[in-house]
mmCIF file of all heavy atoms, coordinates in Angstrom:
data_MODEL
# 
_entry.id   MODEL 
# 
loop_
_atom_site.group_PDB 
_atom_site.id 
_atom_site.type_symbol 
_atom_site.label_atom_id 
_atom_site.label_alt_id 
_atom_site.label_comp_id 
_atom_site.label_asym_id 
_atom_site.label_entity_id 
_atom_site.label_seq_id 
_atom_site.pdbx_PDB_ins_code 
_atom_site.Cartn_x 
_atom_site.Cartn_y 
_atom_site.Cartn_z 
_atom_site.occupancy 
_atom_site.B_iso_or_equiv 
_atom_site.pdbx_formal_charge 
_atom_site.auth_seq_id 
_atom_site.auth_comp_id 
_atom_site.auth_asym_id 
_atom_site.auth_atom_id 
_atom_site.pdbx_PDB_model_num 
ATOM 1   N N   . ALA A 1 1  ? 26.739 41.783 63.522 1.00 0.00 ? 1  ALA A N   1 
ATOM 2   C CA  . ALA A 1 1  ? 26.889 43.175 63.947 1.00 0.00 ? 1  ALA A CA  1 
ATOM 3   C C   . ALA A 1 1  ? 26.068 44.099 63.052 1.00 0.00 ? 1  ALA A C   1 
ATOM 4   O O   . ALA A 1 1  ? 25.395 45.037 63.533 1.00 0.00 ? 1  ALA A O   1 
ATOM 5   C CB  . ALA A 1 1  ? 28.369 43.567 63.913 1.00 0.00 ? 1  ALA A CB  1 
ATOM 6   N N   . GLU A 1 2  ? 26.093 43.840 61.767 1.00 0.00 ? 2  GLU A N   1 
ATOM 7   C CA  . GLU A 1 2  ? 25.338 44.668 60.818 1.00 0.00 ? 2  GLU A CA  1 
ATOM 8   C C   . GLU A 1 2  ? 23.840 44.531 61.010 1.00 0.00 ? 2  GLU A C   1 
ATOM 9   O O   . GLU A 1 2  ? 23.091 45.511 60.840 1.00 0.00 ? 2  GLU A O   1 
ATOM 10  C CB  . GLU A 1 2  ? 25.736 44.287 59.391 1.00 0.00 ? 2  GLU A CB  1 
ATOM 11  C CG  . GLU A 1 2  ? 27.154 44.700 59.046 1.00 0.00 ? 2  GLU A CG  1 
ATOM 12  C CD  . GLU A 1 2  ? 27.712 44.025 57.797 1.00 0.00 ? 2  GLU A CD  1 
ATOM 13  O OE1 . GLU A 1 2  ? 27.014 43.158 57.232 1.00 0.00 ? 2  GLU A OE1 1 
ATOM 14  O OE2 . GLU A 1 2  ? 28.831 44.360 57.396 1.00 0.00 ? 2  GLU A OE2 1 
ATOM 15  N N   . GLU A 1 3  ? 23.396 43.339 61.373 1.00 0.00 ? 3  GLU A N   1 
ATOM 16  C CA  . GLU A 1 3  ? 21.957 43.147 61.594 1.00 0.00 ? 3  GLU A CA  1 
ATOM 17  C C   . GLU A 1 3  ? 21.468 43.940 62.800 1.00 0.00 ? 3  GLU A C   1 
ATOM 18  O O   . GLU A 1 3  ? 20.377 44.514 62.764 1.00 0.00 ? 3  GLU A O   1 
ATOM 19  C CB  . GLU A 1 3  ? 21.642 41.662 61.782 1.00 0.00 ? 3  GLU A CB  1 
ATOM 20  C CG  . GLU A 1 3  ? 21.752 40.824 60.512 1.00 0.00 ? 3  GLU A CG  1 
ATOM 21  C CD  . GLU A 1 3  ? 20.721 41.194 59.464 1.00 0.00 ? 3  GLU A CD  1 
ATOM 22  O OE1 . GLU A 1 3  ? 19.766 41.941 59.763 1.00 0.00 ? 3  GLU A OE1 1 
ATOM 23  O OE2 . GLU A 1 3  ? 20.869 40.734 58.318 1.00 0.00 ? 3  GLU A OE2 1 
ATOM 24  N N   . TRP A 1 4  ? 22.285 43.985 63.859 1.00 0.00 ? 4  TRP A N   1 
ATOM 25  C CA  . TRP A 1 4  ? 21.864 44.763 65.027 1.00 0.00 ? 4  TRP A CA  1 
ATOM 26  C C   . TRP A 1 4  ? 21.839 46.248 64.717 1.00 0.00 ? 4  TRP A C   1 
ATOM 27  O O   . TRP A 1 4  ? 20.960 46.977 65.173 1.00 0.00 ? 4  TRP A O   1 
ATOM 28  C CB  . TRP A 1 4  ? 22.782 44.479 66.216 1.00 0.00 ? 4  TRP A CB  1 
ATOM 29  C CG  . TRP A 1 4  ? 22.467 43.189 66.907 1.00 0.00 ? 4  TRP A CG  1 
ATOM 30  C CD1 . TRP A 1 4  ? 23.303 42.137 67.097 1.00 0.00 ? 4  TRP A CD1 1 
ATOM 31  C CD2 . TRP A 1 4  ? 21.212 42.813 67.488 1.00 0.00 ? 4  TRP A CD2 1 
ATOM 32  N NE1 . TRP A 1 4  ? 22.650 41.119 67.755 1.00 0.00 ? 4  TRP A NE1 1 
ATOM 33  C CE2 . TRP A 1 4  ? 21.363 41.510 68.012 1.00 0.00 ? 4  TRP A CE2 1 
ATOM 34  C CE3 . TRP A 1 4  ? 19.977 43.434 67.620 1.00 0.00 ? 4  TRP A CE3 1 
ATOM 35  C CZ2 . TRP A 1 4  ? 20.338 40.823 68.652 1.00 0.00 ? 4  TRP A CZ2 1 
ATOM 36  C CZ3 . TRP A 1 4  ? 18.941 42.757 68.252 1.00 0.00 ? 4  TRP A CZ3 1 
ATOM 37  C CH2 . TRP A 1 4  ? 19.123 41.477 68.766 1.00 0.00 ? 4  TRP A CH2 1 
ATOM 38  N N   . LEU A 1 5  ? 22.793 46.721 63.919 1.00 0.00 ? 5  LEU A N   1 
ATOM 39  C CA  . LEU A 1 5  ? 22.786 48.132 63.515 1.00 0.00 ? 5  LEU A CA  1 
ATOM 40  C C   . LEU A 1 5  ? 21.604 48.425 62.597 1.00 0.00 ? 5  LEU A C   1 
ATOM 41  O O   . LEU A 1 5  ? 20.979 49.484 62.697 1.00 0.00 ? 5  LEU A O   1 
ATOM 42  C CB  . LEU A 1 5  ? 24.099 48.480 62.810 1.00 0.00 ? 5  LEU A CB  1 
ATOM 43  C CG  . LEU A 1 5  ? 25.356 48.442 63.687 1.00 0.00 ? 5  LEU A CG  1 
ATOM 44  C CD1 . LEU A 1 5  ? 26.600 48.714 62.848 1.00 0.00 ? 5  LEU A CD1 1 
ATOM 45  C CD2 . LEU A 1 5  ? 25.256 49.442 64.837 1.00 0.00 ? 5  LEU A CD2 1 
ATOM 46  N N   . ALA A 1 6  ? 21.288 47.473 61.719 1.00 0.00 ? 6  ALA A N   1 
ATOM 47  C CA  . ALA A 1 6  ? 20.139 47.647 60.823 1.00 0.00 ? 6  ALA A CA  1 
ATOM 48  C C   . ALA A 1 6  ? 18.839 47.665 61.620 1.00 0.00 ? 6  ALA A C   1 
ATOM 49  O O   . ALA A 1 6  ? 17.922 48.438 61.328 1.00 0.00 ? 6  ALA A O   1 
ATOM 50  C CB  . ALA A 1 6  ? 20.106 46.526 59.786 1.00 0.00 ? 6  ALA A CB  1 
ATOM 51  N N   . TYR A 1 7  ? 18.773 46.782 62.625 1.00 0.00 ? 7  TYR A N   1 
ATOM 52  C CA  . TYR A 1 7  ? 17.590 46.770 63.503 1.00 0.00 ? 7  TYR A CA  1 
ATOM 53  C C   . TYR A 1 7  ? 17.389 48.145 64.128 1.00 0.00 ? 7  TYR A C   1 
ATOM 54  O O   . TYR A 1 7  ? 16.287 48.700 64.100 1.00 0.00 ? 7  TYR A O   1 
ATOM 55  C CB  . TYR A 1 7  ? 17.754 45.721 64.598 1.00 0.00 ? 7  TYR A CB  1 
ATOM 56  C CG  . TYR A 1 7  ? 16.730 45.859 65.715 1.00 0.00 ? 7  TYR A CG  1 
ATOM 57  C CD1 . TYR A 1 7  ? 15.442 45.338 65.569 1.00 0.00 ? 7  TYR A CD1 1 
ATOM 58  C CD2 . TYR A 1 7  ? 17.049 46.542 66.883 1.00 0.00 ? 7  TYR A CD2 1 
ATOM 59  C CE1 . TYR A 1 7  ? 14.496 45.491 66.579 1.00 0.00 ? 7  TYR A CE1 1 
ATOM 60  C CE2 . TYR A 1 7  ? 16.112 46.699 67.890 1.00 0.00 ? 7  TYR A CE2 1 
ATOM 61  C CZ  . TYR A 1 7  ? 14.841 46.175 67.735 1.00 0.00 ? 7  TYR A CZ  1 
ATOM 62  O OH  . TYR A 1 7  ? 13.906 46.336 68.721 1.00 0.00 ? 7  TYR A OH  1 
ATOM 63  N N   . TYR A 1 8  ? 18.456 48.713 64.692 1.00 0.00 ? 8  TYR A N   1 
ATOM 64  C CA  . TYR A 1 8  ? 18.333 50.013 65.348 1.00 0.00 ? 8  TYR A CA  1 
ATOM 65  C C   . TYR A 1 8  ? 17.970 51.098 64.349 1.00 0.00 ? 8  TYR A C   1 
ATOM 66  O O   . TYR A 1 8  ? 17.170 51.994 64.654 1.00 0.00 ? 8  TYR A O   1 
ATOM 67  C CB  . TYR A 1 8  ? 19.633 50.377 66.064 1.00 0.00 ? 8  TYR A CB  1 
ATOM 68  C CG  . TYR A 1 8  ? 19.514 51.665 66.839 1.00 0.00 ? 8  TYR A CG  1 
ATOM 69  C CD1 . TYR A 1 8  ? 18.874 51.692 68.079 1.00 0.00 ? 8  TYR A CD1 1 
ATOM 70  C CD2 . TYR A 1 8  ? 19.991 52.864 66.310 1.00 0.00 ? 8  TYR A CD2 1 
ATOM 71  C CE1 . TYR A 1 8  ? 18.731 52.877 68.778 1.00 0.00 ? 8  TYR A CE1 1 
ATOM 72  C CE2 . TYR A 1 8  ? 19.851 54.052 67.008 1.00 0.00 ? 8  TYR A CE2 1 
ATOM 73  C CZ  . TYR A 1 8  ? 19.220 54.051 68.240 1.00 0.00 ? 8  TYR A CZ  1 
ATOM 74  O OH  . TYR A 1 8  ? 19.068 55.233 68.930 1.00 0.00 ? 8  TYR A OH  1 
ATOM 75  N N   . GLN A 1 9  ? 18.573 51.031 63.158 1.00 0.00 ? 9  GLN A N   1 
ATOM 76  C CA  . GLN A 1 9  ? 18.295 52.055 62.140 1.00 0.00 ? 9  GLN A CA  1 
ATOM 77  C C   . GLN A 1 9  ? 16.820 52.081 61.785 1.00 0.00 ? 9  GLN A C   1 
ATOM 78  O O   . GLN A 1 9  ? 16.222 53.157 61.667 1.00 0.00 ? 9  GLN A O   1 
ATOM 79  C CB  . GLN A 1 9  ? 19.140 51.792 60.897 1.00 0.00 ? 9  GLN A CB  1 
ATOM 80  C CG  . GLN A 1 9  ? 18.988 52.856 59.815 1.00 0.00 ? 9  GLN A CG  1 
ATOM 81  C CD  . GLN A 1 9  ? 20.044 52.725 58.732 1.00 0.00 ? 9  GLN A CD  1 
ATOM 82  O OE1 . GLN A 1 9  ? 21.140 52.204 58.981 1.00 0.00 ? 9  GLN A OE1 1 
ATOM 83  N NE2 . GLN A 1 9  ? 19.740 53.191 57.542 1.00 0.00 ? 9  GLN A NE2 1 
ATOM 84  N N   . TYR A 1 10 ? 16.219 50.916 61.612 1.00 0.00 ? 10 TYR A N   1 
ATOM 85  C CA  . TYR A 1 10 ? 14.783 50.857 61.316 1.00 0.00 ? 10 TYR A CA  1 
ATOM 86  C C   . TYR A 1 10 ? 13.957 51.258 62.537 1.00 0.00 ? 10 TYR A C   1 
ATOM 87  O O   . TYR A 1 10 ? 12.953 51.975 62.414 1.00 0.00 ? 10 TYR A O   1 
ATOM 88  C CB  . TYR A 1 10 ? 14.389 49.456 60.868 1.00 0.00 ? 10 TYR A CB  1 
ATOM 89  C CG  . TYR A 1 10 ? 14.645 49.181 59.408 1.00 0.00 ? 10 TYR A CG  1 
ATOM 90  C CD1 . TYR A 1 10 ? 15.474 48.134 59.002 1.00 0.00 ? 10 TYR A CD1 1 
ATOM 91  C CD2 . TYR A 1 10 ? 14.051 49.955 58.414 1.00 0.00 ? 10 TYR A CD2 1 
ATOM 92  C CE1 . TYR A 1 10 ? 15.701 47.874 57.654 1.00 0.00 ? 10 TYR A CE1 1 
ATOM 93  C CE2 . TYR A 1 10 ? 14.277 49.704 57.070 1.00 0.00 ? 10 TYR A CE2 1 
ATOM 94  C CZ  . TYR A 1 10 ? 15.101 48.666 56.701 1.00 0.00 ? 10 TYR A CZ  1 
ATOM 95  O OH  . TYR A 1 10 ? 15.324 48.416 55.369 1.00 0.00 ? 10 TYR A OH  1 
ATOM 96  N N   . TRP A 1 11 ? 14.371 50.792 63.695 1.00 0.00 ? 11 TRP A N   1 
ATOM 97  C CA  . TRP A 1 11 ? 13.604 51.046 64.925 1.00 0.00 ? 11 TRP A CA  1 
ATOM 98  C C   . TRP A 1 11 ? 13.535 52.536 65.227 1.00 0.00 ? 11 TRP A C   1 
ATOM 99  O O   . TRP A 1 11 ? 12.465 53.081 65.482 1.00 0.00 ? 11 TRP A O   1 
ATOM 100 C CB  . TRP A 1 11 ? 14.251 50.290 66.088 1.00 0.00 ? 11 TRP A CB  1 
ATOM 101 C CG  . TRP A 1 11 ? 13.599 50.541 67.411 1.00 0.00 ? 11 TRP A CG  1 
ATOM 102 C CD1 . TRP A 1 11 ? 12.460 49.966 67.900 1.00 0.00 ? 11 TRP A CD1 1 
ATOM 103 C CD2 . TRP A 1 11 ? 14.057 51.448 68.421 1.00 0.00 ? 11 TRP A CD2 1 
ATOM 104 N NE1 . TRP A 1 11 ? 12.182 50.468 69.153 1.00 0.00 ? 11 TRP A NE1 1 
ATOM 105 C CE2 . TRP A 1 11 ? 13.144 51.370 69.497 1.00 0.00 ? 11 TRP A CE2 1 
ATOM 106 C CE3 . TRP A 1 11 ? 15.154 52.309 68.520 1.00 0.00 ? 11 TRP A CE3 1 
ATOM 107 C CZ2 . TRP A 1 11 ? 13.298 52.129 70.654 1.00 0.00 ? 11 TRP A CZ2 1 
ATOM 108 C CZ3 . TRP A 1 11 ? 15.305 53.062 69.674 1.00 0.00 ? 11 TRP A CZ3 1 
ATOM 109 C CH2 . TRP A 1 11 ? 14.385 52.970 70.733 1.00 0.00 ? 11 TRP A CH2 1 
ATOM 110 N N   . VAL A 1 12 ? 14.705 53.201 65.189 1.00 0.00 ? 12 VAL A N   1 
ATOM 111 C CA  . VAL A 1 12 ? 14.711 54.629 65.503 1.00 0.00 ? 12 VAL A CA  1 
ATOM 112 C C   . VAL A 1 12 ? 14.051 55.420 64.379 1.00 0.00 ? 12 VAL A C   1 
ATOM 113 O O   . VAL A 1 12 ? 13.401 56.447 64.619 1.00 0.00 ? 12 VAL A O   1 
ATOM 114 C CB  . VAL A 1 12 ? 16.150 55.121 65.778 1.00 0.00 ? 12 VAL A CB  1 
ATOM 115 C CG1 . VAL A 1 12 ? 16.959 55.293 64.494 1.00 0.00 ? 12 VAL A CG1 1 
ATOM 116 C CG2 . VAL A 1 12 ? 16.134 56.421 66.559 1.00 0.00 ? 12 VAL A CG2 1 
ATOM 117 N N   . GLY A 1 13 ? 14.200 54.951 63.126 1.00 0.00 ? 13 GLY A N   1 
ATOM 118 C CA  . GLY A 1 13 ? 13.546 55.627 62.007 1.00 0.00 ? 13 GLY A CA  1 
ATOM 119 C C   . GLY A 1 13 ? 12.034 55.641 62.151 1.00 0.00 ? 13 GLY A C   1 
ATOM 120 O O   . GLY A 1 13 ? 11.372 56.634 61.835 1.00 0.00 ? 13 GLY A O   1 
ATOM 121 N N   . ALA A 1 14 ? 11.486 54.531 62.658 1.00 0.00 ? 14 ALA A N   1 
ATOM 122 C CA  . ALA A 1 14 ? 10.039 54.451 62.863 1.00 0.00 ? 14 ALA A CA  1 
ATOM 123 C C   . ALA A 1 14 ? 9.572  55.455 63.914 1.00 0.00 ? 14 ALA A C   1 
ATOM 124 O O   . ALA A 1 14 ? 8.437  55.942 63.864 1.00 0.00 ? 14 ALA A O   1 
ATOM 125 C CB  . ALA A 1 14 ? 9.640  53.033 63.277 1.00 0.00 ? 14 ALA A CB  1 
ATOM 126 N N   . LEU A 1 15 ? 10.444 55.790 64.843 1.00 0.00 ? 15 LEU A N   1 
ATOM 127 C CA  . LEU A 1 15 ? 10.081 56.729 65.912 1.00 0.00 ? 15 LEU A CA  1 
ATOM 128 C C   . LEU A 1 15 ? 10.084 58.183 65.440 1.00 0.00 ? 15 LEU A C   1 
ATOM 129 O O   . LEU A 1 15 ? 9.263  58.982 65.890 1.00 0.00 ? 15 LEU A O   1 
ATOM 130 C CB  . LEU A 1 15 ? 11.054 56.591 67.083 1.00 0.00 ? 15 LEU A CB  1 
ATOM 131 C CG  . LEU A 1 15 ? 11.022 55.282 67.875 1.00 0.00 ? 15 LEU A CG  1 
ATOM 132 C CD1 . LEU A 1 15 ? 12.099 55.307 68.944 1.00 0.00 ? 15 LEU A CD1 1 
ATOM 133 C CD2 . LEU A 1 15 ? 9.653  55.063 68.506 1.00 0.00 ? 15 LEU A CD2 1 
ATOM 134 N N   . VAL A 1 16 ? 11.004 58.520 64.545 1.00 0.00 ? 16 VAL A N   1 
ATOM 135 C CA  . VAL A 1 16 ? 11.213 59.941 64.220 1.00 0.00 ? 16 VAL A CA  1 
ATOM 136 C C   . VAL A 1 16 ? 10.715 60.347 62.841 1.00 0.00 ? 16 VAL A C   1 
ATOM 137 O O   . VAL A 1 16 ? 10.721 61.536 62.518 1.00 0.00 ? 16 VAL A O   1 
ATOM 138 C CB  . VAL A 1 16 ? 12.712 60.310 64.337 1.00 0.00 ? 16 VAL A CB  1 
ATOM 139 C CG1 . VAL A 1 16 ? 13.223 60.034 65.738 1.00 0.00 ? 16 VAL A CG1 1 
ATOM 140 C CG2 . VAL A 1 16 ? 13.550 59.556 63.301 1.00 0.00 ? 16 VAL A CG2 1 
ATOM 141 N N   . VAL A 1 17 ? 10.283 59.392 62.011 1.00 0.00 ? 17 VAL A N   1 
ATOM 142 C CA  . VAL A 1 17 ? 9.916  59.722 60.633 1.00 0.00 ? 17 VAL A CA  1 
ATOM 143 C C   . VAL A 1 17 ? 8.812  60.778 60.593 1.00 0.00 ? 17 VAL A C   1 
ATOM 144 O O   . VAL A 1 17 ? 7.882  60.772 61.401 1.00 0.00 ? 17 VAL A O   1 
ATOM 145 C CB  . VAL A 1 17 ? 9.478  58.450 59.864 1.00 0.00 ? 17 VAL A CB  1 
ATOM 146 C CG1 . VAL A 1 17 ? 8.224  57.823 60.480 1.00 0.00 ? 17 VAL A CG1 1 
ATOM 147 C CG2 . VAL A 1 17 ? 9.244  58.757 58.381 1.00 0.00 ? 17 VAL A CG2 1 
ATOM 148 N N   . GLU A 1 18 ? 8.922  61.684 59.630 1.00 0.00 ? 18 GLU A N   1 
ATOM 149 C CA  . GLU A 1 18 ? 7.960  62.768 59.456 1.00 0.00 ? 18 GLU A CA  1 
ATOM 150 C C   . GLU A 1 18 ? 7.589  62.875 57.983 1.00 0.00 ? 18 GLU A C   1 
ATOM 151 O O   . GLU A 1 18 ? 8.216  62.283 57.123 1.00 0.00 ? 18 GLU A O   1 
ATOM 152 C CB  . GLU A 1 18 ? 8.561  64.110 59.919 1.00 0.00 ? 18 GLU A CB  1 
ATOM 153 C CG  . GLU A 1 18 ? 8.966  64.156 61.375 1.00 0.00 ? 18 GLU A CG  1 
ATOM 154 C CD  . GLU A 1 18 ? 9.694  65.440 61.734 1.00 0.00 ? 18 GLU A CD  1 
ATOM 155 O OE1 . GLU A 1 18 ? 10.041 66.199 60.789 1.00 0.00 ? 18 GLU A OE1 1 
ATOM 156 O OE2 . GLU A 1 18 ? 9.931  65.676 62.923 1.00 0.00 ? 18 GLU A OE2 1 
ATOM 157 N N   . GLY A 1 19 ? 6.556  63.674 57.725 1.00 0.00 ? 19 GLY A N   1 
ATOM 158 C CA  . GLY A 1 19 ? 6.216  64.015 56.347 1.00 0.00 ? 19 GLY A CA  1 
ATOM 159 C C   . GLY A 1 19 ? 5.213  63.086 55.707 1.00 0.00 ? 19 GLY A C   1 
ATOM 160 O O   . GLY A 1 19 ? 4.478  62.361 56.384 1.00 0.00 ? 19 GLY A O   1 
ATOM 161 N N   . ALA A 1 20 ? 5.206  63.126 54.362 1.00 0.00 ? 20 ALA A N   1 
ATOM 162 C CA  . ALA A 1 20 ? 4.218  62.387 53.583 1.00 0.00 ? 20 ALA A CA  1 
ATOM 163 C C   . ALA A 1 20 ? 4.305  60.901 53.868 1.00 0.00 ? 20 ALA A C   1 
ATOM 164 O O   . ALA A 1 20 ? 5.378  60.340 54.030 1.00 0.00 ? 20 ALA A O   1 
ATOM 165 C CB  . ALA A 1 20 ? 4.438  62.647 52.088 1.00 0.00 ? 20 ALA A CB  1 
ATOM 166 N N   . MET A 1 21 ? 3.147  60.259 53.947 1.00 0.00 ? 21 MET A N   1 
ATOM 167 C CA  . MET A 1 21 ? 3.046  58.813 54.137 1.00 0.00 ? 21 MET A CA  1 
ATOM 168 C C   . MET A 1 21 ? 3.695  58.357 55.447 1.00 0.00 ? 21 MET A C   1 
ATOM 169 O O   . MET A 1 21 ? 4.174  57.226 55.556 1.00 0.00 ? 21 MET A O   1 
ATOM 170 C CB  . MET A 1 21 ? 3.674  58.071 52.949 1.00 0.00 ? 21 MET A CB  1 
ATOM 171 C CG  . MET A 1 21 ? 3.019  58.395 51.619 1.00 0.00 ? 21 MET A CG  1 
ATOM 172 S SD  . MET A 1 21 ? 3.867  57.653 50.221 1.00 0.00 ? 21 MET A SD  1 
ATOM 173 C CE  . MET A 1 21 ? 3.641  55.916 50.580 1.00 0.00 ? 21 MET A CE  1 
ATOM 174 N N   . ARG A 1 22 ? 3.730  59.210 56.435 1.00 0.00 ? 22 ARG A N   1 
ATOM 175 C CA  . ARG A 1 22 ? 4.415  58.902 57.694 1.00 0.00 ? 22 ARG A CA  1 
ATOM 176 C C   . ARG A 1 22 ? 3.928  57.587 58.297 1.00 0.00 ? 22 ARG A C   1 
ATOM 177 O O   . ARG A 1 22 ? 4.739  56.733 58.680 1.00 0.00 ? 22 ARG A O   1 
ATOM 178 C CB  . ARG A 1 22 ? 4.206  60.030 58.700 1.00 0.00 ? 22 ARG A CB  1 
ATOM 179 C CG  . ARG A 1 22 ? 4.801  59.720 60.080 1.00 0.00 ? 22 ARG A CG  1 
ATOM 180 C CD  . ARG A 1 22 ? 4.483  60.809 61.094 1.00 0.00 ? 22 ARG A CD  1 
ATOM 181 N NE  . ARG A 1 22 ? 4.998  60.470 62.400 1.00 0.00 ? 22 ARG A NE  1 
ATOM 182 C CZ  . ARG A 1 22 ? 4.384  59.686 63.262 1.00 0.00 ? 22 ARG A CZ  1 
ATOM 183 N NH1 . ARG A 1 22 ? 3.201  59.150 62.953 1.00 0.00 ? 22 ARG A NH1 1 
ATOM 184 N NH2 . ARG A 1 22 ? 4.924  59.410 64.430 1.00 0.00 ? 22 ARG A NH2 1 
ATOM 185 N N   . ALA A 1 23 ? 2.618  57.400 58.400 1.00 0.00 ? 23 ALA A N   1 
ATOM 186 C CA  . ALA A 1 23 ? 2.084  56.203 59.050 1.00 0.00 ? 23 ALA A CA  1 
ATOM 187 C C   . ALA A 1 23 ? 2.481  54.933 58.296 1.00 0.00 ? 23 ALA A C   1 
ATOM 188 O O   . ALA A 1 23 ? 2.862  53.927 58.910 1.00 0.00 ? 23 ALA A O   1 
ATOM 189 C CB  . ALA A 1 23 ? 0.559  56.302 59.162 1.00 0.00 ? 23 ALA A CB  1 
ATOM 190 N N   . ASP A 1 24 ? 2.418  54.983 56.972 1.00 0.00 ? 24 ASP A N   1 
ATOM 191 C CA  . ASP A 1 24 ? 2.772  53.808 56.166 1.00 0.00 ? 24 ASP A CA  1 
ATOM 192 C C   . ASP A 1 24 ? 4.260  53.481 56.288 1.00 0.00 ? 24 ASP A C   1 
ATOM 193 O O   . ASP A 1 24 ? 4.636  52.313 56.455 1.00 0.00 ? 24 ASP A O   1 
ATOM 194 C CB  . ASP A 1 24 ? 2.421  54.047 54.697 1.00 0.00 ? 24 ASP A CB  1 
ATOM 195 C CG  . ASP A 1 24 ? 0.927  54.089 54.444 1.00 0.00 ? 24 ASP A CG  1 
ATOM 196 O OD1 . ASP A 1 24 ? 0.174  53.574 55.297 1.00 0.00 ? 24 ASP A OD1 1 
ATOM 197 O OD2 . ASP A 1 24 ? 0.504  54.636 53.414 1.00 0.00 ? 24 ASP A OD2 1 
ATOM 198 N N   . VAL A 1 25 ? 5.092  54.500 56.199 1.00 0.00 ? 25 VAL A N   1 
ATOM 199 C CA  . VAL A 1 25 ? 6.539  54.289 56.292 1.00 0.00 ? 25 VAL A CA  1 
ATOM 200 C C   . VAL A 1 25 ? 6.910  53.795 57.686 1.00 0.00 ? 25 VAL A C   1 
ATOM 201 O O   . VAL A 1 25 ? 7.761  52.912 57.847 1.00 0.00 ? 25 VAL A O   1 
ATOM 202 C CB  . VAL A 1 25 ? 7.303  55.587 55.949 1.00 0.00 ? 25 VAL A CB  1 
ATOM 203 C CG1 . VAL A 1 25 ? 8.798  55.429 56.212 1.00 0.00 ? 25 VAL A CG1 1 
ATOM 204 C CG2 . VAL A 1 25 ? 7.065  55.965 54.489 1.00 0.00 ? 25 VAL A CG2 1 
ATOM 205 N N   . GLN A 1 26 ? 6.270  54.348 58.699 1.00 0.00 ? 26 GLN A N   1 
ATOM 206 C CA  . GLN A 1 26 ? 6.531  53.912 60.069 1.00 0.00 ? 26 GLN A CA  1 
ATOM 207 C C   . GLN A 1 26 ? 6.226  52.427 60.234 1.00 0.00 ? 26 GLN A C   1 
ATOM 208 O O   . GLN A 1 26 ? 7.024  51.674 60.811 1.00 0.00 ? 26 GLN A O   1 
ATOM 209 C CB  . GLN A 1 26 ? 5.675  54.728 61.039 1.00 0.00 ? 26 GLN A CB  1 
ATOM 210 C CG  . GLN A 1 26 ? 5.915  54.415 62.506 1.00 0.00 ? 26 GLN A CG  1 
ATOM 211 C CD  . GLN A 1 26 ? 5.036  55.268 63.417 1.00 0.00 ? 26 GLN A CD  1 
ATOM 212 O OE1 . GLN A 1 26 ? 3.819  55.323 63.241 1.00 0.00 ? 26 GLN A OE1 1 
ATOM 213 N NE2 . GLN A 1 26 ? 5.651  55.937 64.366 1.00 0.00 ? 26 GLN A NE2 1 
# 
């Protein structure tokens, strides 16, 4: 269950991340 939540957390984070180093963090 935690892995699926972690997957979503990273997945959605890659979509919305802003600011410095955005491309690298994405």
